[in-house]
Amino acid sequence: MYRLDREAHRRRNVVERCFNKLKQNKALATRYDKRARHYKALVTLACLRLWLPNRHCGHAPAPPPGVPAPPPGQRS
């Protein structure tokens, strides 16, 4: 009978979920780029997209505190 190391399982689960999120990028999952440096750059960009908050990935930055946000569809 094996003993379950809950902490090791928790860390392994975090890593597996991270890889699954990275694999959602089709070019990353299929290794579309032939050059290693291009693939490394793609991995770096995919990791940054996971690390940065969603509102800063291709969208306008959030307004400063106390300033109301413009309505959807209207640019400031």
C-alpha atoms as a PDB file:
ATOM      1  CA  MET A   1       0.000   0.000   0.000  1.00  0.00           C
ATOM      2  CA  TYR A   2       1.312   3.443  -0.935  1.00  0.00           C
ATOM      3  CA  ARG A   3       1.078   6.473   1.299  1.00  0.00           C
ATOM      4  CA  LEU A   4      -0.300   9.626  -0.290  1.00  0.00           C
ATOM      5  CA  ASP A   5       1.946  12.633   0.154  1.00  0.00           C
ATOM      6  CA  ARG A   6      -0.673  15.362  -0.026  1.00  0.00           C
ATOM      7  CA  GLU A   7       1.810  18.218  -0.372  1.00  0.00           C
ATOM      8  CA  ALA A   8       3.668  16.538  -3.256  1.00  0.00           C
ATOM      9  CA  HIS A   9       0.340  15.768  -4.940  1.00  0.00           C
ATOM     10  CA  ARG A  10      -0.770  19.402  -4.558  1.00  0.00           C
ATOM     11  CA  ARG A  11       2.475  20.720  -6.145  1.00  0.00           C
ATOM     12  CA  ARG A  12       2.279  18.192  -8.990  1.00  0.00           C
ATOM     13  CA  ASN A  13      -1.347  19.184  -9.617  1.00  0.00           C
ATOM     14  CA  VAL A  14      -0.363  22.873  -9.921  1.00  0.00           C
ATOM     15  CA  VAL A  15       2.312  22.012 -12.496  1.00  0.00           C
ATOM     16  CA  GLU A  16      -0.073  19.793 -14.493  1.00  0.00           C
ATOM     17  CA  ARG A  17      -2.752  22.500 -14.584  1.00  0.00           C
ATOM     18  CA  CYS A  18      -0.162  25.033 -15.761  1.00  0.00           C
ATOM     19  CA  PHE A  19       0.911  22.749 -18.624  1.00  0.00           C
ATOM     20  CA  ASN A  20      -2.740  22.196 -19.579  1.00  0.00           C
ATOM     21  CA  LYS A  21      -3.303  25.955 -19.746  1.00  0.00           C
ATOM     22  CA  LEU A  22      -0.184  26.377 -21.880  1.00  0.00           C
ATOM     23  CA  LYS A  23      -1.361  23.618 -24.246  1.00  0.00           C
ATOM     24  CA  GLN A  24      -4.470  25.648 -25.055  1.00  0.00           C
ATOM     25  CA  ASN A  25      -2.187  27.631 -27.375  1.00  0.00           C
ATOM     26  CA  LYS A  26      -2.325  25.478 -30.518  1.00  0.00           C
ATOM     27  CA  ALA A  27       1.077  26.560 -31.877  1.00  0.00           C
ATOM     28  CA  LEU A  28       2.651  25.748 -28.530  1.00  0.00           C
ATOM     29  CA  ALA A  29       0.974  22.352 -28.193  1.00  0.00           C
ATOM     30  CA  THR A  30       1.926  21.237 -31.718  1.00  0.00           C
ATOM     31  CA  ARG A  31       5.426  22.761 -31.757  1.00  0.00           C
ATOM     32  CA  TYR A  32       4.606  24.696 -34.925  1.00  0.00           C
ATOM     33  CA  ASP A  33       7.873  26.682 -34.969  1.00  0.00           C
ATOM     34  CA  LYS A  34      10.909  24.862 -36.314  1.00  0.00           C
ATOM     35  CA  ARG A  35      13.569  27.029 -34.686  1.00  0.00           C
ATOM     36  CA  ALA A  36      14.219  26.502 -30.985  1.00  0.00           C
ATOM     37  CA  ARG A  37      14.561  30.220 -30.239  1.00  0.00           C
ATOM     38  CA  HIS A  38      11.165  30.941 -31.824  1.00  0.00           C
ATOM     39  CA  TYR A  39       9.552  28.156 -29.804  1.00  0.00           C
ATOM     40  CA  LYS A  40      11.210  29.445 -26.624  1.00  0.00           C
ATOM     41  CA  ALA A  41       9.869  32.932 -27.359  1.00  0.00           C
ATOM     42  CA  LEU A  42       6.377  31.474 -27.864  1.00  0.00           C
ATOM     43  CA  VAL A  43       6.609  29.620 -24.537  1.00  0.00           C
ATOM     44  CA  THR A  44       7.732  32.855 -22.842  1.00  0.00           C
ATOM     45  CA  LEU A  45       4.820  34.815 -24.319  1.00  0.00           C
ATOM     46  CA  ALA A  46       2.326  32.116 -23.340  1.00  0.00           C
ATOM     47  CA  CYS A  47       3.672  32.128 -19.770  1.00  0.00           C
ATOM     48  CA  LEU A  48       3.419  35.913 -19.612  1.00  0.00           C
ATOM     49  CA  ARG A  49      -0.201  35.736 -20.740  1.00  0.00           C
ATOM     50  CA  LEU A  50      -0.914  33.368 -17.848  1.00  0.00           C
ATOM     51  CA  TRP A  51       1.018  35.460 -15.366  1.00  0.00           C
ATOM     52  CA  LEU A  52      -0.369  38.901 -16.260  1.00  0.00           C
ATOM     53  CA  PRO A  53      -3.913  39.815 -15.258  1.00  0.00           C
ATOM     54  CA  ASN A  54      -6.404  39.344 -18.104  1.00  0.00           C
ATOM     55  CA  ARG A  55      -7.306  43.024 -18.284  1.00  0.00           C
ATOM     56  CA  HIS A  56      -3.776  43.847 -19.456  1.00  0.00           C
ATOM     57  CA  CYS A  57      -3.585  41.267 -22.265  1.00  0.00           C
ATOM     58  CA  GLY A  58      -4.612  43.139 -25.376  1.00  0.00           C
ATOM     59  CA  HIS A  59      -7.111  45.417 -23.663  1.00  0.00           C
ATOM     60  CA  ALA A  60      -6.954  49.006 -22.508  1.00  0.00           C
ATOM     61  CA  PRO A  61      -5.415  49.460 -19.048  1.00  0.00           C
ATOM     62  CA  ALA A  62      -7.725  49.753 -16.068  1.00  0.00           C
ATOM     63  CA  PRO A  63      -8.562  53.334 -14.998  1.00  0.00           C
ATOM     64  CA  PRO A  64      -6.926  54.663 -11.826  1.00  0.00           C
ATOM     65  CA  PRO A  65      -8.823  54.187  -8.545  1.00  0.00           C
ATOM     66  CA  GLY A  66     -11.734  56.607  -8.173  1.00  0.00           C
ATOM     67  CA  VAL A  67     -12.120  57.191 -11.932  1.00  0.00           C
ATOM     68  CA  PRO A  68     -15.157  55.484 -13.454  1.00  0.00           C
ATOM     69  CA  ALA A  69     -14.511  53.111 -16.323  1.00  0.00           C
ATOM     70  CA  PRO A  70     -15.896  54.087 -19.747  1.00  0.00           C
ATOM     71  CA  PRO A  71     -18.917  52.127 -20.966  1.00  0.00           C
ATOM     72  CA  PRO A  72     -18.175  48.980 -23.018  1.00  0.00           C
ATOM     73  CA  GLY A  73     -17.367  49.723 -26.639  1.00  0.00           C
ATOM     74  CA  GLN A  74     -16.262  53.300 -25.968  1.00  0.00           C
ATOM     75  CA  ARG A  75     -12.579  54.114 -26.082  1.00  0.00           C
ATOM     76  CA  SER A  76     -11.052  56.741 -23.863  1.00  0.00           C
END
